[in-house]
All heavy atoms as atom14 arrays in JSON, in Angstrom:
{
  "sequence": "AEGEAHRVLVLGGARSGKSFTAEGLLAEYARVQYVATGAVPEASDV",
  "atom14_mask": [
    [1, 1, 1, 1, 1, 0, 0, 0, 0, 0, 0, 0, 0, 0],
    [1, 1, 1, 1, 1, 1, 1, 1, 1, 0, 0, 0, 0, 0],
    [1, 1, 1, 1, 0, 0, 0, 0, 0, 0, 0, 0, 0, 0],
    [1, 1, 1, 1, 1, 1, 1, 1, 1, 0, 0, 0, 0, 0],
    [1, 1, 1, 1, 1, 0, 0, 0, 0, 0, 0, 0, 0, 0],
    [1, 1, 1, 1, 1, 1, 1, 1, 1, 1, 0, 0, 0, 0],
    [1, 1, 1, 1, 1, 1, 1, 1, 1, 1, 1, 0, 0, 0],
    [1, 1, 1, 1, 1, 1, 1, 0, 0, 0, 0, 0, 0, 0],
    [1, 1, 1, 1, 1, 1, 1, 1, 0, 0, 0, 0, 0, 0],
    [1, 1, 1, 1, 1, 1, 1, 0, 0, 0, 0, 0, 0, 0],
    [1, 1, 1, 1, 1, 1, 1, 1, 0, 0, 0, 0, 0, 0],
    [1, 1, 1, 1, 0, 0, 0, 0, 0, 0, 0, 0, 0, 0],
    [1, 1, 1, 1, 0, 0, 0, 0, 0, 0, 0, 0, 0, 0],
    [1, 1, 1, 1, 1, 0, 0, 0, 0, 0, 0, 0, 0, 0],
    [1, 1, 1, 1, 1, 1, 1, 1, 1, 1, 1, 0, 0, 0],
    [1, 1, 1, 1, 1, 1, 0, 0, 0, 0, 0, 0, 0, 0],
    [1, 1, 1, 1, 0, 0, 0, 0, 0, 0, 0, 0, 0, 0],
    [1, 1, 1, 1, 1, 1, 1, 1, 1, 0, 0, 0, 0, 0],
    [1, 1, 1, 1, 1, 1, 0, 0, 0, 0, 0, 0, 0, 0],
    [1, 1, 1, 1, 1, 1, 1, 1, 1, 1, 1, 0, 0, 0],
    [1, 1, 1, 1, 1, 1, 1, 0, 0, 0, 0, 0, 0, 0],
    [1, 1, 1, 1, 1, 0, 0, 0, 0, 0, 0, 0, 0, 0],
    [1, 1, 1, 1, 1, 1, 1, 1, 1, 0, 0, 0, 0, 0],
    [1, 1, 1, 1, 0, 0, 0, 0, 0, 0, 0, 0, 0, 0],
    [1, 1, 1, 1, 1, 1, 1, 1, 0, 0, 0, 0, 0, 0],
    [1, 1, 1, 1, 1, 1, 1, 1, 0, 0, 0, 0, 0, 0],
    [1, 1, 1, 1, 1, 0, 0, 0, 0, 0, 0, 0, 0, 0],
    [1, 1, 1, 1, 1, 1, 1, 1, 1, 0, 0, 0, 0, 0],
    [1, 1, 1, 1, 1, 1, 1, 1, 1, 1, 1, 1, 0, 0],
    [1, 1, 1, 1, 1, 0, 0, 0, 0, 0, 0, 0, 0, 0],
    [1, 1, 1, 1, 1, 1, 1, 1, 1, 1, 1, 0, 0, 0],
    [1, 1, 1, 1, 1, 1, 1, 0, 0, 0, 0, 0, 0, 0],
    [1, 1, 1, 1, 1, 1, 1, 1, 1, 0, 0, 0, 0, 0],
    [1, 1, 1, 1, 1, 1, 1, 1, 1, 1, 1, 1, 0, 0],
    [1, 1, 1, 1, 1, 1, 1, 0, 0, 0, 0, 0, 0, 0],
    [1, 1, 1, 1, 1, 0, 0, 0, 0, 0, 0, 0, 0, 0],
    [1, 1, 1, 1, 1, 1, 1, 0, 0, 0, 0, 0, 0, 0],
    [1, 1, 1, 1, 0, 0, 0, 0, 0, 0, 0, 0, 0, 0],
    [1, 1, 1, 1, 1, 0, 0, 0, 0, 0, 0, 0, 0, 0],
    [1, 1, 1, 1, 1, 1, 1, 0, 0, 0, 0, 0, 0, 0],
    [1, 1, 1, 1, 1, 1, 1, 0, 0, 0, 0, 0, 0, 0],
    [1, 1, 1, 1, 1, 1, 1, 1, 1, 0, 0, 0, 0, 0],
    [1, 1, 1, 1, 1, 0, 0, 0, 0, 0, 0, 0, 0, 0],
    [1, 1, 1, 1, 1, 1, 0, 0, 0, 0, 0, 0, 0, 0],
    [1, 1, 1, 1, 1, 1, 1, 1, 0, 0, 0, 0, 0, 0],
    [1, 1, 1, 1, 1, 1, 1, 0, 0, 0, 0, 0, 0, 0]
  ],
  "atom14_positions": [
    [[61.86, 14.46, 15.2], [63.04, 14.3, 16.04], [64.21, 14.96, 15.42], [64.29, 15.16, 14.17], [63.27, 12.67, 16.02], [0.0, 0.0, 0.0], [0.0, 0.0, 0.0], [0.0, 0.0, 0.0], [0.0, 0.0, 0.0], [0.0, 0.0, 0.0], [0.0, 0.0, 0.0], [0.0, 0.0, 0.0], [0.0, 0.0, 0.0], [0.0, 0.0, 0.0]],
    [[65.21, 15.3, 16.18], [66.38, 16.01, 15.79], [67.16, 15.0, 14.75], [67.18, 13.86, 14.95], [67.38, 16.2, 16.91], [66.92, 17.46, 17.74], [68.04, 17.87, 18.75], [68.38, 16.95, 19.54], [68.45, 18.97, 18.71], [0.0, 0.0, 0.0], [0.0, 0.0, 0.0], [0.0, 0.0, 0.0], [0.0, 0.0, 0.0], [0.0, 0.0, 0.0]],
    [[67.52, 15.65, 13.69], [68.14, 14.84, 12.6], [67.22, 14.37, 11.5], [67.71, 13.87, 10.49], [0.0, 0.0, 0.0], [0.0, 0.0, 0.0], [0.0, 0.0, 0.0], [0.0, 0.0, 0.0], [0.0, 0.0, 0.0], [0.0, 0.0, 0.0], [0.0, 0.0, 0.0], [0.0, 0.0, 0.0], [0.0, 0.0, 0.0], [0.0, 0.0, 0.0]],
    [[65.9, 14.38, 11.79], [65.0, 13.82, 10.79], [64.67, 15.0, 9.81], [64.41, 16.26, 10.28], [63.62, 13.49, 11.41], [62.52, 13.07, 10.44], [61.31, 12.71, 11.24], [61.23, 12.71, 12.44], [60.31, 12.46, 10.58], [0.0, 0.0, 0.0], [0.0, 0.0, 0.0], [0.0, 0.0, 0.0], [0.0, 0.0, 0.0], [0.0, 0.0, 0.0]],
    [[64.73, 14.75, 8.58], [64.53, 15.78, 7.48], [63.05, 16.32, 7.57], [62.07, 15.51, 7.52], [64.74, 15.26, 6.1], [0.0, 0.0, 0.0], [0.0, 0.0, 0.0], [0.0, 0.0, 0.0], [0.0, 0.0, 0.0], [0.0, 0.0, 0.0], [0.0, 0.0, 0.0], [0.0, 0.0, 0.0], [0.0, 0.0, 0.0], [0.0, 0.0, 0.0]],
    [[62.85, 17.61, 7.81], [61.5, 18.19, 7.82], [61.67, 19.63, 7.48], [62.43, 20.36, 8.11], [60.92, 17.99, 9.12], [59.48, 18.41, 9.31], [58.42, 17.59, 8.84], [58.84, 19.62, 9.54], [57.26, 18.26, 8.91], [57.57, 19.46, 9.45], [0.0, 0.0, 0.0], [0.0, 0.0, 0.0], [0.0, 0.0, 0.0], [0.0, 0.0, 0.0]],
    [[61.07, 20.12, 6.44], [61.27, 21.44, 5.92], [59.98, 22.33, 6.19], [58.82, 21.88, 5.85], [61.59, 21.29, 4.45], [62.84, 20.57, 4.12], [62.89, 20.02, 2.72], [61.74, 19.18, 2.55], [61.57, 18.54, 1.28], [62.28, 18.72, 0.31], [60.5, 17.77, 1.14], [0.0, 0.0, 0.0], [0.0, 0.0, 0.0], [0.0, 0.0, 0.0]],
    [[60.26, 23.55, 6.74], [59.25, 24.46, 7.08], [59.55, 25.77, 6.56], [60.64, 26.32, 6.72], [59.0, 24.55, 8.59], [57.93, 25.52, 9.02], [58.89, 23.13, 9.2], [0.0, 0.0, 0.0], [0.0, 0.0, 0.0], [0.0, 0.0, 0.0], [0.0, 0.0, 0.0], [0.0, 0.0, 0.0], [0.0, 0.0, 0.0], [0.0, 0.0, 0.0]],
    [[58.47, 26.41, 5.81], [58.6, 27.84, 5.42], [57.68, 28.67, 6.2], [56.46, 28.31, 6.26], [58.27, 27.87, 3.88], [58.3, 29.21, 3.21], [59.72, 29.94, 3.32], [57.7, 29.16, 1.88], [0.0, 0.0, 0.0], [0.0, 0.0, 0.0], [0.0, 0.0, 0.0], [0.0, 0.0, 0.0], [0.0, 0.0, 0.0], [0.0, 0.0, 0.0]],
    [[58.23, 29.74, 6.7], [57.42, 30.75, 7.44], [57.45, 32.06, 6.68], [58.45, 32.71, 6.48], [57.98, 30.98, 8.86], [57.03, 32.01, 9.63], [58.07, 29.63, 9.64], [0.0, 0.0, 0.0], [0.0, 0.0, 0.0], [0.0, 0.0, 0.0], [0.0, 0.0, 0.0], [0.0, 0.0, 0.0], [0.0, 0.0, 0.0], [0.0, 0.0, 0.0]],
    [[56.2, 32.54, 6.21], [56.07, 33.6, 5.4], [55.37, 34.76, 6.17], [54.64, 34.43, 7.1], [55.26, 33.47, 4.16], [55.84, 32.42, 3.16], [54.8, 32.01, 2.14], [56.99, 33.07, 2.45], [0.0, 0.0, 0.0], [0.0, 0.0, 0.0], [0.0, 0.0, 0.0], [0.0, 0.0, 0.0], [0.0, 0.0, 0.0], [0.0, 0.0, 0.0]],
    [[55.53, 35.98, 5.75], [54.92, 37.19, 6.47], [55.49, 38.41, 5.94], [56.66, 38.53, 5.48], [0.0, 0.0, 0.0], [0.0, 0.0, 0.0], [0.0, 0.0, 0.0], [0.0, 0.0, 0.0], [0.0, 0.0, 0.0], [0.0, 0.0, 0.0], [0.0, 0.0, 0.0], [0.0, 0.0, 0.0], [0.0, 0.0, 0.0], [0.0, 0.0, 0.0]],
    [[54.75, 39.49, 6.1], [55.24, 40.81, 5.71], [56.15, 41.42, 6.77], [56.42, 40.8, 7.84], [0.0, 0.0, 0.0], [0.0, 0.0, 0.0], [0.0, 0.0, 0.0], [0.0, 0.0, 0.0], [0.0, 0.0, 0.0], [0.0, 0.0, 0.0], [0.0, 0.0, 0.0], [0.0, 0.0, 0.0], [0.0, 0.0, 0.0], [0.0, 0.0, 0.0]],
    [[56.43, 42.7, 6.56], [57.34, 43.28, 7.67], [56.58, 43.41, 8.93], [55.36, 43.83, 8.9], [57.68, 44.72, 7.08], [0.0, 0.0, 0.0], [0.0, 0.0, 0.0], [0.0, 0.0, 0.0], [0.0, 0.0, 0.0], [0.0, 0.0, 0.0], [0.0, 0.0, 0.0], [0.0, 0.0, 0.0], [0.0, 0.0, 0.0], [0.0, 0.0, 0.0]],
    [[57.16, 43.15, 9.98], [56.65, 43.23, 11.37], [55.47, 42.41, 11.65], [54.48, 42.7, 12.3], [56.35, 44.69, 11.75], [57.42, 45.72, 11.4], [58.73, 45.44, 12.03], [58.63, 45.52, 13.51], [59.62, 45.21, 14.36], [60.79, 44.56, 13.87], [59.52, 45.35, 15.65], [0.0, 0.0, 0.0], [0.0, 0.0, 0.0], [0.0, 0.0, 0.0]],
    [[55.39, 41.29, 10.82], [54.23, 40.38, 10.91], [54.33, 39.38, 12.07], [53.42, 38.72, 12.42], [54.03, 39.7, 9.6], [55.12, 38.83, 9.34], [0.0, 0.0, 0.0], [0.0, 0.0, 0.0], [0.0, 0.0, 0.0], [0.0, 0.0, 0.0], [0.0, 0.0, 0.0], [0.0, 0.0, 0.0], [0.0, 0.0, 0.0], [0.0, 0.0, 0.0]],
    [[55.54, 39.14, 12.59], [55.79, 38.16, 13.62], [56.37, 36.98, 13.07], [56.45, 35.89, 13.7], [0.0, 0.0, 0.0], [0.0, 0.0, 0.0], [0.0, 0.0, 0.0], [0.0, 0.0, 0.0], [0.0, 0.0, 0.0], [0.0, 0.0, 0.0], [0.0, 0.0, 0.0], [0.0, 0.0, 0.0], [0.0, 0.0, 0.0], [0.0, 0.0, 0.0]],
    [[56.82, 36.9, 11.74], [57.29, 35.7, 11.16], [58.62, 35.21, 11.89], [58.72, 33.93, 12.09], [57.59, 35.89, 9.7], [58.59, 37.08, 9.29], [58.59, 37.21, 7.8], [59.67, 38.29, 7.43], [59.23, 39.68, 7.95], [0.0, 0.0, 0.0], [0.0, 0.0, 0.0], [0.0, 0.0, 0.0], [0.0, 0.0, 0.0], [0.0, 0.0, 0.0]],
    [[59.44, 36.11, 12.33], [60.79, 35.6, 12.93], [60.44, 35.09, 14.26], [60.93, 33.93, 14.54], [61.76, 36.83, 13.06], [62.08, 37.39, 11.83], [0.0, 0.0, 0.0], [0.0, 0.0, 0.0], [0.0, 0.0, 0.0], [0.0, 0.0, 0.0], [0.0, 0.0, 0.0], [0.0, 0.0, 0.0], [0.0, 0.0, 0.0], [0.0, 0.0, 0.0]],
    [[59.56, 35.68, 15.06], [59.15, 35.2, 16.34], [58.54, 33.77, 16.23], [58.64, 32.91, 17.01], [58.27, 36.13, 16.97], [57.74, 35.73, 18.3], [58.59, 35.44, 19.36], [56.35, 35.69, 18.63], [58.1, 35.06, 20.61], [55.91, 35.23, 19.81], [56.87, 34.89, 20.84], [0.0, 0.0, 0.0], [0.0, 0.0, 0.0], [0.0, 0.0, 0.0]],
    [[57.62, 33.67, 15.13], [57.02, 32.42, 14.91], [57.96, 31.23, 14.59], [57.93, 30.18, 15.12], [55.96, 32.52, 13.77], [54.91, 33.49, 14.06], [55.4, 31.2, 13.32], [0.0, 0.0, 0.0], [0.0, 0.0, 0.0], [0.0, 0.0, 0.0], [0.0, 0.0, 0.0], [0.0, 0.0, 0.0], [0.0, 0.0, 0.0], [0.0, 0.0, 0.0]],
    [[58.95, 31.6, 13.72], [60.01, 30.57, 13.36], [60.72, 30.08, 14.66], [61.03, 28.91, 14.76], [60.87, 31.13, 12.3], [0.0, 0.0, 0.0], [0.0, 0.0, 0.0], [0.0, 0.0, 0.0], [0.0, 0.0, 0.0], [0.0, 0.0, 0.0], [0.0, 0.0, 0.0], [0.0, 0.0, 0.0], [0.0, 0.0, 0.0], [0.0, 0.0, 0.0]],
    [[61.12, 31.01, 15.34], [61.9, 30.77, 16.6], [61.09, 29.94, 17.54], [61.59, 29.07, 18.19], [62.36, 32.1, 17.2], [63.48, 32.83, 16.41], [63.64, 34.32, 16.82], [63.13, 34.6, 17.96], [64.33, 34.95, 16.23], [0.0, 0.0, 0.0], [0.0, 0.0, 0.0], [0.0, 0.0, 0.0], [0.0, 0.0, 0.0], [0.0, 0.0, 0.0]],
    [[59.73, 30.27, 17.59], [58.79, 29.45, 18.42], [58.74, 28.03, 18.01], [58.56, 27.17, 18.8], [0.0, 0.0, 0.0], [0.0, 0.0, 0.0], [0.0, 0.0, 0.0], [0.0, 0.0, 0.0], [0.0, 0.0, 0.0], [0.0, 0.0, 0.0], [0.0, 0.0, 0.0], [0.0, 0.0, 0.0], [0.0, 0.0, 0.0], [0.0, 0.0, 0.0]],
    [[58.76, 27.77, 16.75], [58.76, 26.37, 16.26], [59.94, 25.57, 16.67], [59.93, 24.34, 16.55], [58.71, 26.53, 14.71], [57.4, 26.92, 14.11], [57.51, 27.05, 12.59], [56.27, 25.93, 14.35], [0.0, 0.0, 0.0], [0.0, 0.0, 0.0], [0.0, 0.0, 0.0], [0.0, 0.0, 0.0], [0.0, 0.0, 0.0], [0.0, 0.0, 0.0]],
    [[61.08, 26.25, 17.08], [62.19, 25.55, 17.49], [62.52, 25.75, 18.98], [63.72, 25.5, 19.48], [63.43, 25.99, 16.72], [63.36, 25.57, 15.17], [64.54, 26.22, 14.42], [63.46, 24.16, 15.04], [0.0, 0.0, 0.0], [0.0, 0.0, 0.0], [0.0, 0.0, 0.0], [0.0, 0.0, 0.0], [0.0, 0.0, 0.0], [0.0, 0.0, 0.0]],
    [[61.51, 26.26, 19.69], [61.73, 26.61, 21.13], [62.15, 25.37, 22.0], [62.71, 25.61, 23.08], [60.39, 27.2, 21.68], [0.0, 0.0, 0.0], [0.0, 0.0, 0.0], [0.0, 0.0, 0.0], [0.0, 0.0, 0.0], [0.0, 0.0, 0.0], [0.0, 0.0, 0.0], [0.0, 0.0, 0.0], [0.0, 0.0, 0.0], [0.0, 0.0, 0.0]],
    [[61.82, 24.23, 21.62], [62.13, 23.0, 22.44], [63.58, 22.54, 22.19], [63.88, 21.62, 22.88], [61.07, 21.92, 22.11], [59.58, 22.23, 22.57], [59.59, 22.58, 23.93], [59.98, 21.81, 24.85], [58.93, 23.71, 24.33], [0.0, 0.0, 0.0], [0.0, 0.0, 0.0], [0.0, 0.0, 0.0], [0.0, 0.0, 0.0], [0.0, 0.0, 0.0]],
    [[64.2, 23.13, 21.22], [65.5, 22.66, 20.92], [66.63, 23.52, 21.63], [66.64, 24.69, 21.52], [65.84, 22.66, 19.39], [65.07, 21.63, 18.62], [63.79, 22.04, 17.98], [65.46, 20.36, 18.42], [63.06, 21.25, 17.32], [64.65, 19.54, 17.67], [63.38, 19.98, 17.13], [62.72, 19.07, 16.41], [0.0, 0.0, 0.0], [0.0, 0.0, 0.0]],
    [[67.52, 22.77, 22.29], [68.67, 23.49, 23.03], [69.64, 23.97, 22.11], [70.36, 24.95, 22.43], [69.24, 22.5, 24.07], [0.0, 0.0, 0.0], [0.0, 0.0, 0.0], [0.0, 0.0, 0.0], [0.0, 0.0, 0.0], [0.0, 0.0, 0.0], [0.0, 0.0, 0.0], [0.0, 0.0, 0.0], [0.0, 0.0, 0.0], [0.0, 0.0, 0.0]],
    [[69.74, 23.25, 20.91], [70.81, 23.69, 19.97], [70.09, 23.85, 18.61], [69.28, 23.11, 18.16], [71.82, 22.61, 19.88], [72.73, 22.39, 21.19], [73.66, 21.22, 21.01], [74.55, 21.37, 19.9], [75.14, 20.36, 19.11], [74.77, 19.25, 19.17], [75.92, 20.71, 18.12], [0.0, 0.0, 0.0], [0.0, 0.0, 0.0], [0.0, 0.0, 0.0]],
    [[70.43, 25.01, 18.06], [69.94, 25.32, 16.7], [71.0, 26.15, 15.92], [71.72, 26.92, 16.53], [68.65, 26.18, 16.76], [68.33, 26.79, 15.38], [67.42, 25.45, 17.35], [0.0, 0.0, 0.0], [0.0, 0.0, 0.0], [0.0, 0.0, 0.0], [0.0, 0.0, 0.0], [0.0, 0.0, 0.0], [0.0, 0.0, 0.0], [0.0, 0.0, 0.0]],
    [[71.26, 25.87, 14.72], [72.09, 26.66, 13.8], [71.24, 27.77, 13.3], [70.33, 27.53, 12.36], [72.85, 25.8, 12.79], [73.87, 25.01, 13.23], [74.78, 24.45, 12.13], [74.2, 24.22, 10.97], [76.04, 24.14, 12.24], [0.0, 0.0, 0.0], [0.0, 0.0, 0.0], [0.0, 0.0, 0.0], [0.0, 0.0, 0.0], [0.0, 0.0, 0.0]],
    [[71.49, 29.01, 13.63], [70.81, 30.15, 13.1], [71.59, 30.8, 12.02], [72.62, 31.48, 12.25], [70.64, 31.05, 14.28], [69.62, 32.31, 14.13], [68.32, 32.27, 14.58], [70.0, 33.32, 13.21], [67.48, 33.33, 14.46], [69.08, 34.45, 13.1], [67.78, 34.36, 13.69], [66.99, 35.38, 13.4], [0.0, 0.0, 0.0], [0.0, 0.0, 0.0]],
    [[71.15, 30.73, 10.8], [71.81, 31.25, 9.66], [71.28, 32.57, 9.37], [70.19, 32.84, 8.88], [71.61, 30.31, 8.41], [72.38, 30.87, 7.23], [72.07, 28.9, 8.71], [0.0, 0.0, 0.0], [0.0, 0.0, 0.0], [0.0, 0.0, 0.0], [0.0, 0.0, 0.0], [0.0, 0.0, 0.0], [0.0, 0.0, 0.0], [0.0, 0.0, 0.0]],
    [[72.3, 33.57, 9.69], [71.86, 34.99, 9.48], [72.34, 35.42, 8.05], [73.54, 35.51, 7.9], [72.43, 35.86, 10.61], [0.0, 0.0, 0.0], [0.0, 0.0, 0.0], [0.0, 0.0, 0.0], [0.0, 0.0, 0.0], [0.0, 0.0, 0.0], [0.0, 0.0, 0.0], [0.0, 0.0, 0.0], [0.0, 0.0, 0.0], [0.0, 0.0, 0.0]],
    [[71.47, 35.89, 7.23], [71.9, 36.23, 5.81], [71.92, 37.77, 5.63], [72.33, 38.16, 4.61], [70.91, 35.63, 4.8], [69.64, 36.21, 5.0], [70.96, 34.05, 4.94], [0.0, 0.0, 0.0], [0.0, 0.0, 0.0], [0.0, 0.0, 0.0], [0.0, 0.0, 0.0], [0.0, 0.0, 0.0], [0.0, 0.0, 0.0], [0.0, 0.0, 0.0]],
    [[71.61, 38.49, 6.63], [71.61, 39.95, 6.42], [73.04, 40.56, 6.49], [73.89, 39.88, 7.02], [0.0, 0.0, 0.0], [0.0, 0.0, 0.0], [0.0, 0.0, 0.0], [0.0, 0.0, 0.0], [0.0, 0.0, 0.0], [0.0, 0.0, 0.0], [0.0, 0.0, 0.0], [0.0, 0.0, 0.0], [0.0, 0.0, 0.0], [0.0, 0.0, 0.0]],
    [[73.11, 41.65, 6.05], [74.44, 42.35, 6.01], [74.87, 42.73, 7.43], [73.99, 43.07, 8.21], [74.4, 43.65, 5.17], [0.0, 0.0, 0.0], [0.0, 0.0, 0.0], [0.0, 0.0, 0.0], [0.0, 0.0, 0.0], [0.0, 0.0, 0.0], [0.0, 0.0, 0.0], [0.0, 0.0, 0.0], [0.0, 0.0, 0.0], [0.0, 0.0, 0.0]],
    [[76.05, 42.63, 7.68], [76.61, 43.07, 8.99], [76.48, 44.52, 9.17], [76.88, 45.27, 8.24], [78.14, 42.63, 9.24], [78.57, 43.16, 10.54], [78.22, 41.11, 9.07], [0.0, 0.0, 0.0], [0.0, 0.0, 0.0], [0.0, 0.0, 0.0], [0.0, 0.0, 0.0], [0.0, 0.0, 0.0], [0.0, 0.0, 0.0], [0.0, 0.0, 0.0]],
    [[75.91, 45.0, 10.22], [75.66, 46.44, 10.4], [76.9, 47.31, 10.32], [77.98, 46.91, 10.93], [74.92, 46.56, 11.73], [74.46, 45.24, 12.12], [75.43, 44.29, 11.4], [0.0, 0.0, 0.0], [0.0, 0.0, 0.0], [0.0, 0.0, 0.0], [0.0, 0.0, 0.0], [0.0, 0.0, 0.0], [0.0, 0.0, 0.0], [0.0, 0.0, 0.0]],
    [[76.87, 48.46, 9.64], [78.01, 49.41, 9.7], [77.85, 50.27, 10.96], [76.74, 50.44, 11.47], [78.0, 50.22, 8.52], [78.19, 49.42, 7.18], [78.12, 50.27, 5.89], [78.07, 51.58, 6.13], [78.29, 49.79, 4.83], [0.0, 0.0, 0.0], [0.0, 0.0, 0.0], [0.0, 0.0, 0.0], [0.0, 0.0, 0.0], [0.0, 0.0, 0.0]],
    [[78.91, 50.79, 11.44], [78.99, 51.57, 12.65], [78.06, 52.76, 12.53], [77.38, 53.23, 13.56], [80.4, 51.99, 12.99], [0.0, 0.0, 0.0], [0.0, 0.0, 0.0], [0.0, 0.0, 0.0], [0.0, 0.0, 0.0], [0.0, 0.0, 0.0], [0.0, 0.0, 0.0], [0.0, 0.0, 0.0], [0.0, 0.0, 0.0], [0.0, 0.0, 0.0]],
    [[77.88, 53.25, 11.21], [77.03, 54.45, 11.09], [75.52, 54.23, 11.07], [74.68, 55.02, 11.29], [77.44, 55.21, 9.81], [77.25, 54.36, 8.72], [0.0, 0.0, 0.0], [0.0, 0.0, 0.0], [0.0, 0.0, 0.0], [0.0, 0.0, 0.0], [0.0, 0.0, 0.0], [0.0, 0.0, 0.0], [0.0, 0.0, 0.0], [0.0, 0.0, 0.0]],
    [[75.18, 52.91, 10.89], [73.76, 52.56, 10.78], [73.24, 52.04, 12.15], [73.22, 50.86, 12.37], [73.66, 51.45, 9.79], [72.11, 51.32, 9.25], [71.28, 51.79, 10.04], [71.89, 50.76, 8.26], [0.0, 0.0, 0.0], [0.0, 0.0, 0.0], [0.0, 0.0, 0.0], [0.0, 0.0, 0.0], [0.0, 0.0, 0.0], [0.0, 0.0, 0.0]],
    [[73.02, 53.02, 13.03], [72.6, 52.74, 14.32], [71.34, 52.0, 14.43], [71.13, 50.97, 15.19], [72.36, 54.03, 15.23], [72.04, 53.73, 16.6], [73.8, 54.8, 15.17], [0.0, 0.0, 0.0], [0.0, 0.0, 0.0], [0.0, 0.0, 0.0], [0.0, 0.0, 0.0], [0.0, 0.0, 0.0], [0.0, 0.0, 0.0], [0.0, 0.0, 0.0]]
  ]
}
């Protein structure tokens, strides 16, 4: 249930589908905090 402590780790190599899998695990939730840890893209890095 929302608010219940439950920890899930999703592992995979590059292009393995790990991000899609993690998002699918939360597909039933209307609200999610998505913590993006990657660097903000520079204008030159298309």
